N, C-alpha and C. Protein backbone atom coordinates (compact mmCIF):
# COMPACT_ATOMS: atom_id res chain seq x y z
N MET A 1 81.45 89.52 123.53
CA MET A 1 83.15 89.34 123.81
C MET A 1 83.27 89.04 125.07
N THR A 2 84.18 88.81 125.66
CA THR A 2 85.01 88.01 126.73
C THR A 2 86.56 88.55 126.60
N ASP A 3 87.19 88.06 128.01
CA ASP A 3 88.73 88.71 127.95
C ASP A 3 89.30 87.29 127.85
N SER A 4 88.79 86.22 127.37
CA SER A 4 89.71 84.90 127.19
C SER A 4 91.03 85.24 126.49
N PRO A 5 91.88 84.44 127.00
CA PRO A 5 93.06 84.52 126.86
C PRO A 5 93.50 84.22 124.96
N MET A 6 94.37 85.23 124.73
CA MET A 6 94.39 85.10 123.10
C MET A 6 95.84 84.64 122.83
N LEU A 7 95.98 84.24 121.65
CA LEU A 7 97.37 84.63 120.91
C LEU A 7 97.46 85.09 120.14
N VAL A 8 98.87 85.73 119.31
CA VAL A 8 99.00 86.38 118.40
C VAL A 8 99.90 85.04 118.05
N VAL A 9 99.41 85.05 116.22
CA VAL A 9 100.23 84.07 115.39
C VAL A 9 99.92 84.80 113.83
N VAL A 10 101.20 83.67 113.74
CA VAL A 10 101.79 84.55 112.24
C VAL A 10 102.07 83.56 111.55
N ASN A 11 101.83 83.61 109.96
CA ASN A 11 101.57 82.48 108.84
C ASN A 11 102.92 82.87 108.26
N ASP A 12 103.12 81.93 107.24
CA ASP A 12 104.64 82.17 106.56
C ASP A 12 104.85 83.22 105.47
N GLU A 13 103.48 83.97 105.39
CA GLU A 13 103.93 85.07 104.62
C GLU A 13 103.92 86.48 105.49
N GLU A 14 104.43 86.08 106.71
CA GLU A 14 104.49 86.82 108.17
C GLU A 14 103.46 87.68 108.19
N GLN A 15 102.16 87.50 108.24
CA GLN A 15 101.21 88.11 108.30
C GLN A 15 100.68 87.55 109.49
N PHE A 16 99.80 88.76 110.68
CA PHE A 16 99.54 88.54 112.00
C PHE A 16 97.88 88.18 112.09
N SER A 17 97.75 87.47 113.23
CA SER A 17 96.18 87.32 113.56
C SER A 17 96.20 87.19 114.98
N VAL A 18 94.79 87.34 115.60
CA VAL A 18 94.78 86.39 116.87
C VAL A 18 94.17 84.84 116.74
N TRP A 19 93.85 84.28 118.15
CA TRP A 19 93.88 82.96 118.09
C TRP A 19 93.58 82.73 119.32
N TRP A 20 92.94 81.96 119.81
CA TRP A 20 92.14 81.52 121.33
C TRP A 20 93.44 80.94 121.74
N SER A 21 93.67 80.88 123.12
CA SER A 21 95.15 80.29 123.46
C SER A 21 94.22 78.90 123.85
N ASP A 22 93.50 78.12 124.11
CA ASP A 22 93.40 76.83 124.21
C ASP A 22 92.78 76.26 123.36
N ARG A 23 93.17 76.75 122.06
CA ARG A 23 92.99 75.77 120.46
C ARG A 23 94.18 75.68 119.95
N GLU A 24 94.47 74.66 119.11
CA GLU A 24 95.49 74.77 118.04
C GLU A 24 95.09 75.89 117.39
N PRO A 25 96.56 76.71 116.40
CA PRO A 25 96.35 77.60 115.45
C PRO A 25 95.77 76.68 114.59
N PRO A 26 94.99 77.27 113.06
CA PRO A 26 94.96 76.59 112.24
C PRO A 26 96.24 76.25 111.20
N ALA A 27 96.25 75.40 110.29
CA ALA A 27 96.90 75.01 109.41
C ALA A 27 97.84 75.97 108.64
N GLY A 28 99.22 76.37 109.19
CA GLY A 28 99.87 77.10 108.45
C GLY A 28 99.92 78.10 109.14
N TRP A 29 99.58 78.57 110.65
CA TRP A 29 100.05 79.51 111.56
C TRP A 29 100.84 78.66 112.70
N ARG A 30 101.58 79.72 113.73
CA ARG A 30 101.96 79.42 114.18
C ARG A 30 102.25 80.28 115.48
N PRO A 31 102.35 80.12 117.04
CA PRO A 31 102.27 81.30 117.44
C PRO A 31 103.27 81.91 117.74
N THR A 32 103.42 83.40 117.95
CA THR A 32 104.41 84.33 117.82
C THR A 32 105.47 84.00 119.50
N GLY A 33 104.72 83.28 120.00
CA GLY A 33 105.02 83.83 121.61
C GLY A 33 104.27 84.79 122.83
N PHE A 34 103.34 85.98 121.92
CA PHE A 34 102.68 86.74 123.01
C PHE A 34 101.23 86.36 122.85
N ALA A 35 100.75 86.67 124.05
CA ALA A 35 99.57 85.95 124.78
C ALA A 35 99.08 86.95 125.37
N GLY A 36 97.58 87.48 125.75
CA GLY A 36 97.31 88.29 126.39
C GLY A 36 95.59 88.63 125.89
N THR A 37 95.21 90.12 126.55
CA THR A 37 93.72 89.83 126.04
C THR A 37 93.45 90.21 124.74
N ARG A 38 92.13 90.25 124.06
CA ARG A 38 92.10 90.20 122.22
C ARG A 38 92.57 91.58 122.07
N GLN A 39 92.66 92.31 122.69
CA GLN A 39 92.52 93.64 122.83
C GLN A 39 94.42 93.65 122.73
N GLU A 40 94.92 93.30 123.57
CA GLU A 40 96.76 93.69 124.34
C GLU A 40 97.20 92.74 122.83
N CYS A 41 96.44 91.48 122.36
CA CYS A 41 97.25 91.01 121.61
C CYS A 41 96.84 92.30 119.73
N LEU A 42 95.93 92.61 119.73
CA LEU A 42 95.70 94.10 118.53
C LEU A 42 96.78 94.92 118.83
N ASP A 43 96.94 95.44 120.08
CA ASP A 43 98.03 96.28 120.48
C ASP A 43 99.60 95.95 119.62
N HIS A 44 99.39 94.63 120.44
CA HIS A 44 100.80 94.23 119.91
C HIS A 44 101.26 93.87 118.56
N ILE A 45 100.24 93.50 117.93
CA ILE A 45 100.21 93.26 116.45
C ILE A 45 100.27 94.43 115.73
N GLU A 46 99.87 95.66 115.99
CA GLU A 46 99.66 96.95 115.12
C GLU A 46 101.18 97.47 115.99
N THR A 47 102.24 97.29 116.84
CA THR A 47 103.30 97.86 117.06
C THR A 47 104.59 96.62 116.34
N VAL A 48 104.12 95.45 115.95
CA VAL A 48 104.94 94.90 115.62
C VAL A 48 104.53 94.58 113.83
N TRP A 49 103.51 94.60 113.07
CA TRP A 49 103.38 94.40 111.89
C TRP A 49 103.45 96.12 111.28
N THR A 50 104.33 96.51 110.89
CA THR A 50 104.84 97.53 110.08
C THR A 50 104.43 97.68 108.61
N ASP A 51 104.92 96.73 108.33
CA ASP A 51 105.12 96.45 106.87
C ASP A 51 103.69 95.38 106.19
N MET A 52 102.25 95.75 106.28
CA MET A 52 101.40 94.53 105.78
C MET A 52 101.17 93.97 104.65
N ARG A 53 102.46 94.65 103.98
CA ARG A 53 102.22 93.70 102.67
C ARG A 53 102.93 91.79 102.74
N PRO A 54 102.45 91.02 102.25
CA PRO A 54 103.03 89.70 102.25
C PRO A 54 104.29 89.60 102.23
N ARG A 55 105.30 88.49 102.94
CA ARG A 55 106.41 88.36 102.63
C ARG A 55 107.12 88.46 101.42
N SER A 56 106.27 87.37 100.70
CA SER A 56 106.31 87.24 99.05
C SER A 56 106.37 88.14 98.32
N VAL A 57 105.71 89.27 99.04
CA VAL A 57 105.85 90.90 97.72
C VAL A 57 106.96 91.35 98.67
N ARG A 58 106.88 91.55 99.63
CA ARG A 58 108.31 92.16 100.09
C ARG A 58 109.29 91.88 99.35
N ASP A 59 109.87 90.33 99.46
CA ASP A 59 111.06 89.72 98.83
C ASP A 59 110.84 90.12 97.41
N GLN A 60 110.09 90.25 96.64
CA GLN A 60 110.18 91.19 95.26
C GLN A 60 110.78 92.60 95.09
N GLY A 61 110.73 93.18 96.02
CA GLY A 61 111.19 94.72 96.43
C GLY A 61 110.34 95.69 95.76
N THR A 62 109.39 94.82 95.66
CA THR A 62 108.01 96.33 95.36
C THR A 62 107.81 97.18 96.74
N PRO A 63 107.72 98.49 96.70
CA PRO A 63 107.88 99.61 97.58
C PRO A 63 106.53 99.34 98.00
N SER A 64 106.70 99.86 99.56
CA SER A 64 105.43 99.88 100.25
C SER A 64 104.79 101.09 99.78
N VAL A 65 103.45 101.15 100.20
CA VAL A 65 102.74 102.93 99.84
C VAL A 65 103.23 103.82 100.64
N ARG A 66 103.89 103.57 102.02
CA ARG A 66 104.61 104.36 102.58
C ARG A 66 105.95 104.91 102.08
N ASP A 67 106.74 103.85 101.64
CA ASP A 67 108.01 103.99 100.73
C ASP A 67 107.52 104.63 99.36
N ARG A 68 106.47 104.58 98.65
CA ARG A 68 106.08 105.44 97.32
C ARG A 68 105.86 106.95 97.61
N GLY A 69 105.40 107.72 98.96
CA GLY A 69 104.88 108.11 99.50
C GLY A 69 103.45 108.61 99.58
N GLU A 70 102.71 107.71 99.47
CA GLU A 70 101.31 107.87 99.03
C GLU A 70 100.62 107.86 100.33
């Protein structure tokens, strides 16, 4: 694996992933503006993606595992 530049991308459900910076993200994904090595991108995602439930589930008001104390 190389340290080629990567981007953090997000979809409409506010789920995050990494993508190569020299390629267009796949349909339904858009860049967040953060770029770096793969590890830097993963570290950034760990910081900003605090609730891994898809937005559609969060919008229903379903409590997260953390909120339920599990």
